Amino acid sequence: MIFHRRITPSVVAGALLLAFPAAAQSTGVQIITPPPGSVQPSGSWSVGARAGDFVFVGGMRGVDPATGKLVEGEEARIRQMFKNMMAVANAEGASLKDAVRLTIFVTDVVRHRPLVNKVQSELWGDGPYPPRTVLEVRRLDQDDIAEVDGTFYAPKK
């Protein structure tokens, strides 16, 4: 025997509240306002968010915040993407040593991963280095070559 029940918006909302009770309460997520001199969102995204003691920085690329244009040179562009990520993290009290995890997207893993390694080792020194994933993607916005997002541990003071 098959039973049919009409699904209404209130049934869906009730099911969601049962499955995700925290959704009924304030999430405690705070959207980060771009710090002065940093990359400004160009669409429906935020530079980052804070949830408790963690800071999540959205995908940053090799864009010069002053001009909004990509930095010239592959190594310089990769360095700039890390600088853009750190501007947001620093504004929330995090440093490179507070990085919990990085995800890096590159358009050519064979060509760009060595540059990512070089720049990251310059920035982090002898380590320790945060866990990271480097993924090759077909294309990035503005035909950029790399993008990074990061998670940082930065307890509020």
N, C-alpha and C. Protein backbone atom coordinates (compact mmCIF):
# COMPACT_ATOMS: atom_id res chain seq x y z
N MET A 1 0.85 -1.16 0.00
CA MET A 1 0.00 0.00 0.00
C MET A 1 0.90 1.24 0.00
N ILE A 2 0.57 2.22 -0.82
CA ILE A 2 1.35 3.44 -0.94
C ILE A 2 0.53 4.58 -0.36
N PHE A 3 1.16 5.35 0.52
CA PHE A 3 0.51 6.51 1.10
C PHE A 3 1.12 7.76 0.48
N HIS A 4 0.31 8.72 0.16
CA HIS A 4 0.76 9.98 -0.38
C HIS A 4 0.45 11.07 0.62
N ARG A 5 1.38 11.95 0.80
CA ARG A 5 1.16 13.08 1.68
C ARG A 5 1.55 14.34 0.94
N ARG A 6 0.74 15.33 1.05
CA ARG A 6 1.03 16.59 0.39
C ARG A 6 2.13 17.31 1.17
N ILE A 7 3.18 17.70 0.46
CA ILE A 7 4.30 18.40 1.09
C ILE A 7 4.06 19.90 0.94
N THR A 8 3.94 20.56 2.09
CA THR A 8 3.72 22.00 2.10
C THR A 8 4.98 22.67 2.64
N PRO A 9 5.12 23.97 2.43
CA PRO A 9 6.29 24.67 2.98
C PRO A 9 6.44 24.49 4.49
N SER A 10 5.33 24.45 5.22
CA SER A 10 5.43 24.30 6.67
C SER A 10 5.93 22.91 7.04
N VAL A 11 5.57 21.89 6.26
CA VAL A 11 6.09 20.53 6.51
C VAL A 11 7.59 20.50 6.26
N VAL A 12 8.03 21.14 5.19
CA VAL A 12 9.46 21.19 4.88
C VAL A 12 10.20 21.94 5.98
N ALA A 13 9.69 23.09 6.40
CA ALA A 13 10.35 23.87 7.45
C ALA A 13 10.42 23.08 8.75
N GLY A 14 9.35 22.39 9.10
CA GLY A 14 9.36 21.57 10.31
C GLY A 14 10.39 20.46 10.23
N ALA A 15 10.48 19.81 9.08
CA ALA A 15 11.47 18.74 8.90
C ALA A 15 12.88 19.29 9.01
N LEU A 16 13.12 20.47 8.45
CA LEU A 16 14.46 21.07 8.54
C LEU A 16 14.81 21.41 9.98
N LEU A 17 13.86 21.93 10.73
CA LEU A 17 14.13 22.26 12.13
C LEU A 17 14.41 21.01 12.96
N LEU A 18 13.73 19.90 12.63
CA LEU A 18 14.01 18.65 13.33
C LEU A 18 15.39 18.12 12.96
N ALA A 19 15.75 18.24 11.70
CA ALA A 19 17.04 17.73 11.24
C ALA A 19 18.18 18.64 11.66
N PHE A 20 17.94 19.94 11.69
CA PHE A 20 18.98 20.92 11.99
C PHE A 20 18.46 21.89 13.05
N PRO A 21 18.40 21.47 14.31
CA PRO A 21 17.83 22.33 15.35
C PRO A 21 18.58 23.64 15.52
N ALA A 22 19.87 23.67 15.22
CA ALA A 22 20.62 24.92 15.36
C ALA A 22 20.14 25.98 14.39
N ALA A 23 19.51 25.56 13.29
CA ALA A 23 19.01 26.52 12.30
C ALA A 23 17.91 27.39 12.89
N ALA A 24 17.26 26.90 13.94
CA ALA A 24 16.19 27.67 14.57
C ALA A 24 16.75 28.77 15.46
N GLN A 25 18.02 28.68 15.79
CA GLN A 25 18.65 29.65 16.67
C GLN A 25 19.62 30.50 15.87
N SER A 26 20.14 31.53 16.49
CA SER A 26 21.18 32.32 15.86
C SER A 26 22.40 31.45 15.61
N THR A 27 23.01 31.59 14.46
CA THR A 27 24.13 30.71 14.11
C THR A 27 25.43 31.10 14.78
N GLY A 28 25.57 32.34 15.18
CA GLY A 28 26.83 32.77 15.77
C GLY A 28 27.90 33.04 14.73
N VAL A 29 27.53 32.99 13.47
CA VAL A 29 28.48 33.27 12.40
C VAL A 29 28.48 34.78 12.14
N GLN A 30 29.67 35.36 12.11
CA GLN A 30 29.81 36.79 11.85
C GLN A 30 30.56 36.96 10.53
N ILE A 31 29.96 37.67 9.60
CA ILE A 31 30.60 37.95 8.33
C ILE A 31 31.66 39.03 8.57
N ILE A 32 32.83 38.82 8.00
CA ILE A 32 33.96 39.75 8.17
C ILE A 32 33.86 40.87 7.16
N THR A 33 33.95 42.09 7.65
CA THR A 33 34.01 43.26 6.78
C THR A 33 35.43 43.34 6.23
N PRO A 34 35.58 43.58 4.93
CA PRO A 34 36.94 43.66 4.37
C PRO A 34 37.75 44.74 5.08
N PRO A 35 38.95 44.40 5.55
CA PRO A 35 39.78 45.41 6.19
C PRO A 35 40.22 46.47 5.17
N PRO A 36 40.52 47.68 5.64
CA PRO A 36 40.98 48.73 4.72
C PRO A 36 42.19 48.25 3.91
N GLY A 37 42.16 48.56 2.63
CA GLY A 37 43.29 48.21 1.77
C GLY A 37 43.29 46.77 1.30
N SER A 38 42.22 46.03 1.60
CA SER A 38 42.18 44.62 1.17
C SER A 38 41.24 44.47 -0.02
N VAL A 39 41.21 43.27 -0.56
CA VAL A 39 40.34 42.96 -1.69
C VAL A 39 38.88 43.15 -1.27
N GLN A 40 38.12 43.77 -2.15
CA GLN A 40 36.70 43.98 -1.91
C GLN A 40 35.90 42.97 -2.72
N PRO A 41 34.86 42.38 -2.15
CA PRO A 41 34.04 41.42 -2.91
C PRO A 41 33.46 42.07 -4.17
N SER A 42 33.47 41.31 -5.24
CA SER A 42 32.96 41.82 -6.51
C SER A 42 31.65 41.15 -6.90
N GLY A 43 31.06 40.45 -5.97
CA GLY A 43 29.83 39.74 -6.26
C GLY A 43 29.17 39.31 -4.97
N SER A 44 28.46 38.20 -5.03
CA SER A 44 27.69 37.73 -3.88
C SER A 44 28.53 36.80 -3.00
N TRP A 45 29.61 37.33 -2.46
CA TRP A 45 30.46 36.57 -1.55
C TRP A 45 31.07 37.53 -0.54
N SER A 46 31.57 36.98 0.54
CA SER A 46 32.24 37.77 1.58
C SER A 46 33.69 37.34 1.65
N VAL A 47 34.54 38.23 2.14
CA VAL A 47 35.96 37.90 2.24
C VAL A 47 36.21 36.85 3.31
N GLY A 48 35.30 36.74 4.27
CA GLY A 48 35.48 35.75 5.31
C GLY A 48 34.35 35.76 6.31
N ALA A 49 34.46 34.82 7.23
CA ALA A 49 33.47 34.71 8.31
C ALA A 49 34.16 34.18 9.55
N ARG A 50 33.65 34.59 10.69
CA ARG A 50 34.12 34.07 11.98
C ARG A 50 33.01 33.23 12.57
N ALA A 51 33.38 32.05 13.05
CA ALA A 51 32.46 31.18 13.78
C ALA A 51 33.19 30.75 15.04
N GLY A 52 32.84 31.38 16.16
CA GLY A 52 33.55 31.08 17.40
C GLY A 52 35.01 31.49 17.30
N ASP A 53 35.89 30.54 17.57
CA ASP A 53 37.33 30.83 17.56
C ASP A 53 37.97 30.60 16.20
N PHE A 54 37.17 30.33 15.19
CA PHE A 54 37.71 30.03 13.86
C PHE A 54 37.35 31.13 12.86
N VAL A 55 38.32 31.43 12.01
CA VAL A 55 38.15 32.40 10.94
C VAL A 55 38.30 31.66 9.62
N PHE A 56 37.32 31.85 8.75
CA PHE A 56 37.31 31.21 7.44
C PHE A 56 37.46 32.31 6.39
N VAL A 57 38.55 32.26 5.64
CA VAL A 57 38.81 33.26 4.61
C VAL A 57 38.41 32.69 3.27
N GLY A 58 37.58 33.45 2.55
CA GLY A 58 37.11 33.03 1.23
C GLY A 58 38.24 33.00 0.21
N GLY A 59 37.94 32.48 -0.95
CA GLY A 59 38.94 32.34 -2.00
C GLY A 59 39.58 33.67 -2.37
N MET A 60 40.89 33.73 -2.22
CA MET A 60 41.65 34.92 -2.57
C MET A 60 42.58 34.60 -3.73
N ARG A 61 42.66 35.56 -4.65
CA ARG A 61 43.51 35.38 -5.82
C ARG A 61 44.57 36.47 -5.84
N GLY A 62 45.35 36.49 -6.89
CA GLY A 62 46.47 37.43 -7.01
C GLY A 62 46.06 38.80 -7.51
N VAL A 63 45.06 39.38 -6.90
CA VAL A 63 44.55 40.69 -7.29
C VAL A 63 45.18 41.76 -6.41
N ASP A 64 45.65 42.82 -7.04
CA ASP A 64 46.17 43.98 -6.31
C ASP A 64 44.96 44.73 -5.76
N PRO A 65 44.82 44.84 -4.42
CA PRO A 65 43.65 45.51 -3.85
C PRO A 65 43.51 46.97 -4.29
N ALA A 66 44.62 47.62 -4.58
CA ALA A 66 44.57 49.04 -4.97
C ALA A 66 43.99 49.24 -6.36
N THR A 67 44.24 48.31 -7.25
CA THR A 67 43.80 48.48 -8.64
C THR A 67 42.66 47.54 -9.04
N GLY A 68 42.50 46.44 -8.30
CA GLY A 68 41.51 45.44 -8.66
C GLY A 68 41.94 44.59 -9.85
N LYS A 69 43.19 44.73 -10.25
CA LYS A 69 43.71 43.97 -11.39
C LYS A 69 44.70 42.91 -10.91
N LEU A 70 44.87 41.88 -11.72
CA LEU A 70 45.81 40.81 -11.39
C LEU A 70 47.24 41.35 -11.40
N VAL A 71 48.04 40.89 -10.44
CA VAL A 71 49.45 41.24 -10.36
C VAL A 71 50.18 40.55 -11.51
N GLU A 72 51.17 41.21 -12.07
CA GLU A 72 51.96 40.64 -13.17
C GLU A 72 52.96 39.62 -12.63
N GLY A 73 53.14 38.54 -13.37
CA GLY A 73 54.11 37.51 -13.01
C GLY A 73 53.49 36.43 -12.16
N GLU A 74 53.76 35.18 -12.51
CA GLU A 74 53.12 34.06 -11.82
C GLU A 74 53.50 33.98 -10.34
N GLU A 75 54.79 34.07 -10.04
CA GLU A 75 55.21 33.98 -8.64
C GLU A 75 54.67 35.16 -7.83
N ALA A 76 54.72 36.36 -8.40
CA ALA A 76 54.20 37.54 -7.72
C ALA A 76 52.70 37.41 -7.49
N ARG A 77 52.00 36.82 -8.42
CA ARG A 77 50.55 36.65 -8.29
C ARG A 77 50.23 35.66 -7.18
N ILE A 78 50.99 34.59 -7.10
CA ILE A 78 50.77 33.60 -6.03
C ILE A 78 51.10 34.21 -4.68
N ARG A 79 52.16 35.01 -4.62
CA ARG A 79 52.49 35.69 -3.36
C ARG A 79 51.35 36.63 -2.97
N GLN A 80 50.79 37.34 -3.95
CA GLN A 80 49.69 38.29 -3.66
C GLN A 80 48.46 37.56 -3.15
N MET A 81 48.16 36.38 -3.67
CA MET A 81 46.97 35.66 -3.19
C MET A 81 47.13 35.33 -1.70
N PHE A 82 48.36 34.93 -1.29
CA PHE A 82 48.60 34.66 0.13
C PHE A 82 48.48 35.96 0.94
N LYS A 83 49.02 37.06 0.41
CA LYS A 83 48.92 38.35 1.12
C LYS A 83 47.46 38.76 1.30
N ASN A 84 46.65 38.55 0.26
CA ASN A 84 45.23 38.92 0.36
C ASN A 84 44.52 38.07 1.41
N MET A 85 44.85 36.78 1.46
CA MET A 85 44.26 35.91 2.48
C MET A 85 44.69 36.38 3.87
N MET A 86 45.96 36.70 4.01
CA MET A 86 46.47 37.08 5.33
C MET A 86 45.94 38.43 5.79
N ALA A 87 45.62 39.34 4.87
CA ALA A 87 45.05 40.63 5.27
C ALA A 87 43.74 40.42 6.03
N VAL A 88 42.92 39.49 5.55
CA VAL A 88 41.65 39.20 6.21
C VAL A 88 41.91 38.48 7.54
N ALA A 89 42.78 37.47 7.51
CA ALA A 89 43.08 36.71 8.74
C ALA A 89 43.70 37.61 9.81
N ASN A 90 44.65 38.45 9.41
CA ASN A 90 45.31 39.37 10.36
C ASN A 90 44.31 40.32 11.00
N ALA A 91 43.34 40.79 10.22
CA ALA A 91 42.33 41.71 10.76
C ALA A 91 41.50 41.05 11.86
N GLU A 92 41.47 39.72 11.87
CA GLU A 92 40.73 38.98 12.89
C GLU A 92 41.66 38.43 13.97
N GLY A 93 42.93 38.85 13.96
CA GLY A 93 43.86 38.44 15.00
C GLY A 93 44.62 37.15 14.72
N ALA A 94 44.58 36.66 13.49
CA ALA A 94 45.27 35.41 13.14
C ALA A 94 46.57 35.72 12.40
N SER A 95 47.53 34.84 12.57
CA SER A 95 48.80 34.93 11.84
C SER A 95 48.97 33.67 10.99
N LEU A 96 50.04 33.62 10.23
CA LEU A 96 50.32 32.43 9.43
C LEU A 96 50.39 31.18 10.29
N LYS A 97 50.95 31.30 11.47
CA LYS A 97 51.09 30.14 12.37
C LYS A 97 49.75 29.64 12.90
N ASP A 98 48.69 30.44 12.72
CA ASP A 98 47.35 30.05 13.17
C ASP A 98 46.55 29.34 12.08
N ALA A 99 47.17 29.13 10.93
CA ALA A 99 46.45 28.46 9.83
C ALA A 99 46.18 27.01 10.20
N VAL A 100 44.93 26.62 10.12
CA VAL A 100 44.51 25.25 10.42
C VAL A 100 44.48 24.41 9.15
N ARG A 101 44.10 25.04 8.04
CA ARG A 101 43.96 24.31 6.78
C ARG A 101 43.92 25.28 5.62
N LEU A 102 44.54 24.90 4.51
CA LEU A 102 44.51 25.68 3.27
C LEU A 102 44.01 24.81 2.14
N THR A 103 43.26 25.40 1.24
CA THR A 103 42.90 24.76 -0.01
C THR A 103 43.36 25.69 -1.12
N ILE A 104 44.14 25.15 -2.04
CA ILE A 104 44.70 25.96 -3.11
C ILE A 104 44.27 25.35 -4.44
N PHE A 105 43.72 26.21 -5.28
CA PHE A 105 43.28 25.81 -6.61
C PHE A 105 44.26 26.40 -7.62
N VAL A 106 44.75 25.59 -8.53
CA VAL A 106 45.67 26.06 -9.57
C VAL A 106 45.17 25.56 -10.92
N THR A 107 45.51 26.30 -11.97
CA THR A 107 45.07 25.91 -13.30
C THR A 107 46.04 24.94 -13.97
N ASP A 108 47.24 24.78 -13.40
CA ASP A 108 48.21 23.82 -13.93
C ASP A 108 49.05 23.34 -12.74
N VAL A 109 48.71 22.18 -12.19
CA VAL A 109 49.36 21.71 -10.97
C VAL A 109 50.86 21.45 -11.17
N VAL A 110 51.25 20.97 -12.32
CA VAL A 110 52.67 20.69 -12.57
C VAL A 110 53.46 21.99 -12.60
N ARG A 111 52.89 23.02 -13.19
CA ARG A 111 53.60 24.29 -13.34
C ARG A 111 53.51 25.18 -12.09
N HIS A 112 52.34 25.20 -11.45
CA HIS A 112 52.13 26.18 -10.38
C HIS A 112 52.36 25.65 -8.97
N ARG A 113 52.24 24.35 -8.74
CA ARG A 113 52.47 23.83 -7.38
C ARG A 113 53.88 24.13 -6.89
N PRO A 114 54.93 24.01 -7.73
CA PRO A 114 56.26 24.38 -7.25
C PRO A 114 56.36 25.85 -6.83
N LEU A 115 55.64 26.74 -7.53
CA LEU A 115 55.64 28.15 -7.14
C LEU A 115 54.90 28.34 -5.82
N VAL A 116 53.80 27.61 -5.66
CA VAL A 116 53.07 27.67 -4.39
C VAL A 116 53.98 27.19 -3.26
N ASN A 117 54.68 26.08 -3.47
CA ASN A 117 55.61 25.57 -2.45
C ASN A 117 56.68 26.59 -2.11
N LYS A 118 57.25 27.23 -3.13
CA LYS A 118 58.32 28.22 -2.92
C LYS A 118 57.83 29.40 -2.10
N VAL A 119 56.71 29.97 -2.53
CA VAL A 119 56.17 31.14 -1.82
C VAL A 119 55.74 30.76 -0.41
N GLN A 120 55.10 29.61 -0.27
CA GLN A 120 54.64 29.20 1.06
C GLN A 120 55.83 28.98 1.99
N SER A 121 56.90 28.39 1.50
CA SER A 121 58.07 28.17 2.36
C SER A 121 58.73 29.50 2.72
N GLU A 122 58.69 30.49 1.83
CA GLU A 122 59.21 31.82 2.17
C GLU A 122 58.37 32.46 3.26
N LEU A 123 57.06 32.34 3.16
CA LEU A 123 56.16 32.96 4.13
C LEU A 123 56.17 32.26 5.48
N TRP A 124 56.14 30.92 5.47
CA TRP A 124 56.07 30.15 6.71
C TRP A 124 57.45 29.82 7.26
N GLY A 125 58.50 30.06 6.51
CA GLY A 125 59.84 29.71 6.97
C GLY A 125 60.01 28.21 7.01
N ASP A 126 60.62 27.73 8.07
CA ASP A 126 60.88 26.30 8.21
C ASP A 126 59.68 25.50 8.70
N GLY A 127 58.53 26.16 8.79
CA GLY A 127 57.33 25.45 9.22
C GLY A 127 57.11 25.61 10.71
N PRO A 128 56.20 24.89 11.27
CA PRO A 128 55.40 23.86 10.63
C PRO A 128 54.42 24.47 9.63
N TYR A 129 54.08 23.67 8.63
CA TYR A 129 53.16 24.09 7.59
C TYR A 129 51.78 23.53 7.90
N PRO A 130 50.74 24.32 7.56
CA PRO A 130 49.38 23.81 7.80
C PRO A 130 49.04 22.72 6.79
N PRO A 131 48.12 21.85 7.13
CA PRO A 131 47.64 20.89 6.15
C PRO A 131 47.06 21.66 4.96
N ARG A 132 47.23 21.12 3.78
CA ARG A 132 46.69 21.80 2.61
C ARG A 132 46.34 20.79 1.53
N THR A 133 45.50 21.23 0.64
CA THR A 133 45.15 20.47 -0.55
C THR A 133 45.39 21.38 -1.74
N VAL A 134 46.07 20.87 -2.76
CA VAL A 134 46.25 21.60 -4.01
C VAL A 134 45.46 20.87 -5.08
N LEU A 135 44.53 21.57 -5.68
CA LEU A 135 43.66 20.98 -6.69
C LEU A 135 43.84 21.69 -8.03
N GLU A 136 43.90 20.93 -9.09
CA GLU A 136 43.93 21.53 -10.42
C GLU A 136 42.50 21.73 -10.89
N VAL A 137 42.24 22.94 -11.37
CA VAL A 137 40.93 23.28 -11.92
C VAL A 137 41.10 23.78 -13.35
N ARG A 138 40.05 23.69 -14.10
CA ARG A 138 40.13 24.10 -15.51
C ARG A 138 40.35 25.60 -15.65
N ARG A 139 39.62 26.38 -14.83
CA ARG A 139 39.67 27.82 -15.01
C ARG A 139 39.31 28.53 -13.71
N LEU A 140 39.88 29.72 -13.51
CA LEU A 140 39.54 30.58 -12.38
C LEU A 140 39.07 31.93 -12.91
N ASP A 141 38.41 32.69 -12.05
CA ASP A 141 37.91 34.01 -12.43
C ASP A 141 39.05 34.87 -12.98
N GLN A 142 38.76 35.68 -13.97
CA GLN A 142 39.71 36.57 -14.63
C GLN A 142 40.89 35.79 -15.24
N ASP A 143 40.69 34.50 -15.49
CA ASP A 143 41.76 33.64 -16.01
C ASP A 143 42.99 33.66 -15.12
N ASP A 144 42.77 33.78 -13.81
CA ASP A 144 43.89 33.74 -12.87
C ASP A 144 44.46 32.33 -12.84
N ILE A 145 45.63 32.17 -12.20
CA ILE A 145 46.32 30.88 -12.18
C ILE A 145 46.17 30.16 -10.85
N ALA A 146 45.80 30.88 -9.78
CA ALA A 146 45.73 30.25 -8.45
C ALA A 146 44.75 31.00 -7.55
N GLU A 147 44.21 30.25 -6.60
CA GLU A 147 43.29 30.82 -5.61
C GLU A 147 43.46 30.02 -4.32
N VAL A 148 43.40 30.71 -3.19
CA VAL A 148 43.56 30.05 -1.89
C VAL A 148 42.42 30.44 -0.97
N ASP A 149 41.95 29.48 -0.17
CA ASP A 149 41.10 29.81 0.95
C ASP A 149 41.70 29.16 2.18
N GLY A 150 41.44 29.75 3.33
CA GLY A 150 42.07 29.25 4.54
C GLY A 150 41.18 29.28 5.75
N THR A 151 41.48 28.41 6.69
CA THR A 151 40.82 28.36 7.98
C THR A 151 41.88 28.64 9.04
N PHE A 152 41.56 29.52 9.97
CA PHE A 152 42.51 29.94 10.99
C PHE A 152 41.88 29.81 12.37
N TYR A 153 42.71 29.49 13.35
CA TYR A 153 42.29 29.46 14.74
C TYR A 153 42.69 30.78 15.36
N ALA A 154 41.72 31.57 15.78
CA ALA A 154 41.98 32.90 16.32
C ALA A 154 40.95 33.25 17.37
N PRO A 155 41.15 32.75 18.60
CA PRO A 155 40.19 33.07 19.67
C PRO A 155 40.01 34.58 19.80
N LYS A 156 38.75 34.99 20.00
CA LYS A 156 38.48 36.42 20.21
C LYS A 156 39.08 36.84 21.54
N LYS A 157 39.61 38.04 21.55
CA LYS A 157 40.22 38.55 22.78
C LYS A 157 39.30 39.47 23.51
